[in-house]
Amino acid sequence: MSKDKLAQFAGCWKLVSHEFRSSDGKIIHPWGEDPVGMSINDGKGHFSAQIMRRDRPKFASQSPTFDELKAAYAGYVAYFGTTEVNEKEGFRINHVEGSLNPNWVGGEQIRHYELSGNRMTLRTPPVKIGDIELTGSLTWERID
């Protein structure tokens, strides 16, 4: 893979928005309506990404309860690995090497991408849940 394909993603990106749209027209915000996140891409095929609910509750003490730990985990996603780009088809594949979600480790995440200036939008392929399809959309802004 050419370095030019990867170089277009190089940098530090802050999350602008994240949502899922359903085939029946509903919009879902899995990390709340104002999530915070950062993605770092080295331009050579390595990435890391973290997203969290901005309103995650703090632990009441230094020894969190099970429910506090559960809420903290449910409000945060983090993963890293390598990425490759299929420029012709307009998607990138993230090969997950490590993740807060152990089920993602060793898997792939396909994201269709659009780049415009300092903005990058990544979309998931549609996922069917029952009779409804969900498509995720993440918009990032380069900050460096």
C-alpha atoms as a PDB file:
ATOM      1  CA  MET A   1       0.000   0.000   0.000  1.00  0.00           C
ATOM      2  CA  SER A   2       1.344   3.403  -0.889  1.00  0.00           C
ATOM      3  CA  LYS A   3       2.272   5.810   1.877  1.00  0.00           C
ATOM      4  CA  ASP A   4       0.198   8.525   0.169  1.00  0.00           C
ATOM      5  CA  LYS A   5      -2.996   6.617   0.902  1.00  0.00           C
ATOM      6  CA  LEU A   6      -2.152   6.449   4.593  1.00  0.00           C
ATOM      7  CA  ALA A   7      -0.678   9.952   4.803  1.00  0.00           C
ATOM      8  CA  GLN A   8      -4.079  11.551   4.132  1.00  0.00           C
ATOM      9  CA  PHE A   9      -5.209  10.260   7.555  1.00  0.00           C
ATOM     10  CA  ALA A  10      -2.060  11.362   9.411  1.00  0.00           C
ATOM     11  CA  GLY A  11      -2.518  13.515  12.453  1.00  0.00           C
ATOM     12  CA  CYS A  12      -4.520  13.974  15.575  1.00  0.00           C
ATOM     13  CA  TRP A  13      -8.283  14.190  15.146  1.00  0.00           C
ATOM     14  CA  LYS A  14     -10.954  15.309  17.620  1.00  0.00           C
ATOM     15  CA  LEU A  15     -14.454  13.907  17.482  1.00  0.00           C
ATOM     16  CA  VAL A  16     -17.088  16.331  16.226  1.00  0.00           C
ATOM     17  CA  SER A  17     -20.103  14.018  16.193  1.00  0.00           C
ATOM     18  CA  HIS A  18     -21.084  10.356  16.449  1.00  0.00           C
ATOM     19  CA  GLU A  19     -24.468   8.899  15.663  1.00  0.00           C
ATOM     20  CA  PHE A  20     -26.273   5.899  14.275  1.00  0.00           C
ATOM     21  CA  ARG A  21     -29.131   6.352  11.831  1.00  0.00           C
ATOM     22  CA  SER A  22     -31.725   3.629  11.522  1.00  0.00           C
ATOM     23  CA  SER A  23     -33.534   2.638   8.374  1.00  0.00           C
ATOM     24  CA  ASP A  24     -36.776   3.825   9.991  1.00  0.00           C
ATOM     25  CA  GLY A  25     -35.359   7.351  10.410  1.00  0.00           C
ATOM     26  CA  LYS A  26     -34.360   7.353  14.083  1.00  0.00           C
ATOM     27  CA  ILE A  27     -31.075   8.882  15.252  1.00  0.00           C
ATOM     28  CA  ILE A  28     -29.234   7.226  18.134  1.00  0.00           C
ATOM     29  CA  HIS A  29     -26.329   8.797  20.028  1.00  0.00           C
ATOM     30  CA  PRO A  30     -24.512   5.863  21.678  1.00  0.00           C
ATOM     31  CA  TRP A  31     -22.100   8.116  23.597  1.00  0.00           C
ATOM     32  CA  GLY A  32     -24.596  10.913  24.215  1.00  0.00           C
ATOM     33  CA  GLU A  33     -25.307  13.959  22.075  1.00  0.00           C
ATOM     34  CA  ASP A  34     -21.997  15.634  22.957  1.00  0.00           C
ATOM     35  CA  PRO A  35     -19.333  12.907  23.062  1.00  0.00           C
ATOM     36  CA  VAL A  36     -15.626  13.587  23.269  1.00  0.00           C
ATOM     37  CA  GLY A  37     -12.997  11.604  21.414  1.00  0.00           C
ATOM     38  CA  MET A  38      -9.601  11.562  19.819  1.00  0.00           C
ATOM     39  CA  SER A  39      -8.064   9.502  17.045  1.00  0.00           C
ATOM     40  CA  ILE A  40      -4.368   9.486  16.268  1.00  0.00           C
ATOM     41  CA  ASN A  41      -3.047   8.170  12.959  1.00  0.00           C
ATOM     42  CA  ASP A  42       0.687   8.118  12.291  1.00  0.00           C
ATOM     43  CA  GLY A  43       0.296   8.124   8.499  1.00  0.00           C
ATOM     44  CA  LYS A  44       2.263   4.869   8.282  1.00  0.00           C
ATOM     45  CA  GLY A  45      -0.538   2.455   9.131  1.00  0.00           C
ATOM     46  CA  HIS A  46      -0.954   2.735  12.920  1.00  0.00           C
ATOM     47  CA  PHE A  47      -3.930   4.254  14.705  1.00  0.00           C
ATOM     48  CA  SER A  48      -5.572   4.586  18.085  1.00  0.00           C
ATOM     49  CA  ALA A  49      -9.009   5.928  18.918  1.00  0.00           C
ATOM     50  CA  GLN A  50     -10.918   6.740  22.084  1.00  0.00           C
ATOM     51  CA  ILE A  51     -14.476   7.977  22.486  1.00  0.00           C
ATOM     52  CA  MET A  52     -16.429   8.621  25.654  1.00  0.00           C
ATOM     53  CA  ARG A  53     -19.622  10.091  26.980  1.00  0.00           C
ATOM     54  CA  ARG A  54     -18.840  13.596  28.161  1.00  0.00           C
ATOM     55  CA  ASP A  55     -21.241  13.151  31.087  1.00  0.00           C
ATOM     56  CA  ARG A  56     -19.778   9.943  32.573  1.00  0.00           C
ATOM     57  CA  PRO A  57     -20.428   9.974  36.315  1.00  0.00           C
ATOM     58  CA  LYS A  58     -17.415  10.086  38.625  1.00  0.00           C
ATOM     59  CA  PHE A  59     -16.785   7.346  41.159  1.00  0.00           C
ATOM     60  CA  ALA A  60     -18.012   8.158  44.659  1.00  0.00           C
ATOM     61  CA  SER A  61     -14.709   6.951  46.162  1.00  0.00           C
ATOM     62  CA  GLN A  62     -11.340   5.428  45.257  1.00  0.00           C
ATOM     63  CA  SER A  63     -12.985   1.986  45.434  1.00  0.00           C
ATOM     64  CA  PRO A  64     -15.752   2.079  42.807  1.00  0.00           C
ATOM     65  CA  THR A  65     -18.773  -0.160  43.095  1.00  0.00           C
ATOM     66  CA  PHE A  66     -19.632  -2.721  40.446  1.00  0.00           C
ATOM     67  CA  ASP A  67     -22.393  -0.444  39.110  1.00  0.00           C
ATOM     68  CA  GLU A  68     -19.969   2.493  38.878  1.00  0.00           C
ATOM     69  CA  LEU A  69     -17.456   0.345  36.981  1.00  0.00           C
ATOM     70  CA  LYS A  70     -20.199  -0.890  34.663  1.00  0.00           C
ATOM     71  CA  ALA A  71     -21.324   2.673  33.882  1.00  0.00           C
ATOM     72  CA  ALA A  72     -17.738   3.792  33.256  1.00  0.00           C
ATOM     73  CA  TYR A  73     -17.106   0.879  30.872  1.00  0.00           C
ATOM     74  CA  ALA A  74     -20.425   1.423  29.063  1.00  0.00           C
ATOM     75  CA  GLY A  75     -19.533   5.070  28.427  1.00  0.00           C
ATOM     76  CA  TYR A  76     -16.104   4.541  26.891  1.00  0.00           C
ATOM     77  CA  VAL A  77     -14.581   2.880  23.852  1.00  0.00           C
ATOM     78  CA  ALA A  78     -10.864   2.631  23.119  1.00  0.00           C
ATOM     79  CA  TYR A  79      -8.931   0.595  20.597  1.00  0.00           C
ATOM     80  CA  PHE A  80      -5.729   0.597  18.547  1.00  0.00           C
ATOM     81  CA  GLY A  81      -4.016  -1.297  15.784  1.00  0.00           C
ATOM     82  CA  THR A  82      -3.053  -1.012  12.150  1.00  0.00           C
ATOM     83  CA  THR A  83      -5.021   0.334   9.232  1.00  0.00           C
ATOM     84  CA  GLU A  84      -5.061  -0.133   5.499  1.00  0.00           C
ATOM     85  CA  VAL A  85      -6.844   1.902   2.854  1.00  0.00           C
ATOM     86  CA  ASN A  86      -8.763   0.834  -0.230  1.00  0.00           C
ATOM     87  CA  GLU A  87      -8.816   4.177  -1.994  1.00  0.00           C
ATOM     88  CA  LYS A  88     -10.650   2.873  -5.063  1.00  0.00           C
ATOM     89  CA  GLU A  89     -13.599   1.653  -2.979  1.00  0.00           C
ATOM     90  CA  GLY A  90     -13.358   4.516  -0.465  1.00  0.00           C
ATOM     91  CA  PHE A  91     -12.923   2.542   2.730  1.00  0.00           C
ATOM     92  CA  ARG A  92     -10.312   1.767   5.331  1.00  0.00           C
ATOM     93  CA  ILE A  93      -9.935  -1.356   7.405  1.00  0.00           C
ATOM     94  CA  ASN A  94      -8.797  -1.048  10.999  1.00  0.00           C
ATOM     95  CA  HIS A  95      -7.157  -4.255  12.224  1.00  0.00           C
ATOM     96  CA  VAL A  96      -7.766  -4.194  15.975  1.00  0.00           C
ATOM     97  CA  GLU A  97      -4.776  -5.277  18.068  1.00  0.00           C
ATOM     98  CA  GLY A  98      -6.063  -4.055  21.437  1.00  0.00           C
ATOM     99  CA  SER A  99      -9.362  -2.766  22.755  1.00  0.00           C
ATOM    100  CA  LEU A 100     -11.306  -2.021  25.905  1.00  0.00           C
ATOM    101  CA  ASN A 101     -13.889  -4.365  24.357  1.00  0.00           C
ATOM    102  CA  PRO A 102     -12.156  -7.773  24.309  1.00  0.00           C
ATOM    103  CA  ASN A 103     -14.452  -9.003  21.529  1.00  0.00           C
ATOM    104  CA  TRP A 104     -12.909  -6.506  19.102  1.00  0.00           C
ATOM    105  CA  VAL A 105      -9.332  -7.792  19.574  1.00  0.00           C
ATOM    106  CA  GLY A 106      -8.157  -9.595  16.434  1.00  0.00           C
ATOM    107  CA  GLY A 107     -11.111  -8.277  14.421  1.00  0.00           C
ATOM    108  CA  GLU A 108     -11.496  -5.771  11.633  1.00  0.00           C
ATOM    109  CA  GLN A 109     -13.534  -2.585  11.470  1.00  0.00           C
ATOM    110  CA  ILE A 110     -14.465  -1.381   7.997  1.00  0.00           C
ATOM    111  CA  ARG A 111     -15.168   2.327   7.654  1.00  0.00           C
ATOM    112  CA  HIS A 112     -16.157   4.149   4.461  1.00  0.00           C
ATOM    113  CA  TYR A 113     -14.482   7.519   4.506  1.00  0.00           C
ATOM    114  CA  GLU A 114     -14.883  11.010   3.129  1.00  0.00           C
ATOM    115  CA  LEU A 115     -12.144  13.614   3.523  1.00  0.00           C
ATOM    116  CA  SER A 116     -12.811  17.314   3.014  1.00  0.00           C
ATOM    117  CA  GLY A 117     -10.254  19.844   4.209  1.00  0.00           C
ATOM    118  CA  ASN A 118      -9.666  19.177   7.906  1.00  0.00           C
ATOM    119  CA  ARG A 119     -12.788  17.022   8.247  1.00  0.00           C
ATOM    120  CA  MET A 120     -13.055  13.269   8.011  1.00  0.00           C
ATOM    121  CA  THR A 121     -16.315  11.323   8.129  1.00  0.00           C
ATOM    122  CA  LEU A 122     -16.227   7.590   8.732  1.00  0.00           C
ATOM    123  CA  ARG A 123     -19.312   5.438   8.187  1.00  0.00           C
ATOM    124  CA  THR A 124     -19.900   1.861   9.205  1.00  0.00           C
ATOM    125  CA  PRO A 125     -21.442  -0.601   6.802  1.00  0.00           C
ATOM    126  CA  PRO A 126     -25.144  -1.072   7.615  1.00  0.00           C
ATOM    127  CA  VAL A 127     -25.789  -3.535  10.448  1.00  0.00           C
ATOM    128  CA  LYS A 128     -29.111  -5.369  10.494  1.00  0.00           C
ATOM    129  CA  ILE A 129     -30.785  -5.721  13.890  1.00  0.00           C
ATOM    130  CA  GLY A 130     -34.146  -7.401  13.454  1.00  0.00           C
ATOM    131  CA  ASP A 131     -35.989  -5.563  10.699  1.00  0.00           C
ATOM    132  CA  ILE A 132     -33.956  -2.373  11.097  1.00  0.00           C
ATOM    133  CA  GLU A 133     -30.585  -1.403   9.623  1.00  0.00           C
ATOM    134  CA  LEU A 134     -28.229   0.890  11.524  1.00  0.00           C
ATOM    135  CA  THR A 135     -25.402   2.891   9.970  1.00  0.00           C
ATOM    136  CA  GLY A 136     -22.889   4.638  12.193  1.00  0.00           C
ATOM    137  CA  SER A 137     -21.313   7.962  11.313  1.00  0.00           C
ATOM    138  CA  LEU A 138     -18.338   9.579  13.027  1.00  0.00           C
ATOM    139  CA  THR A 139     -17.111  13.025  12.028  1.00  0.00           C
ATOM    140  CA  TRP A 140     -13.595  14.039  13.038  1.00  0.00           C
ATOM    141  CA  GLU A 141     -11.674  17.307  12.705  1.00  0.00           C
ATOM    142  CA  ARG A 142      -7.888  17.399  12.354  1.00  0.00           C
ATOM    143  CA  ILE A 143      -6.363  19.416  15.198  1.00  0.00           C
ATOM    144  CA  ASP A 144      -2.692  19.471  14.299  1.00  0.00           C
END
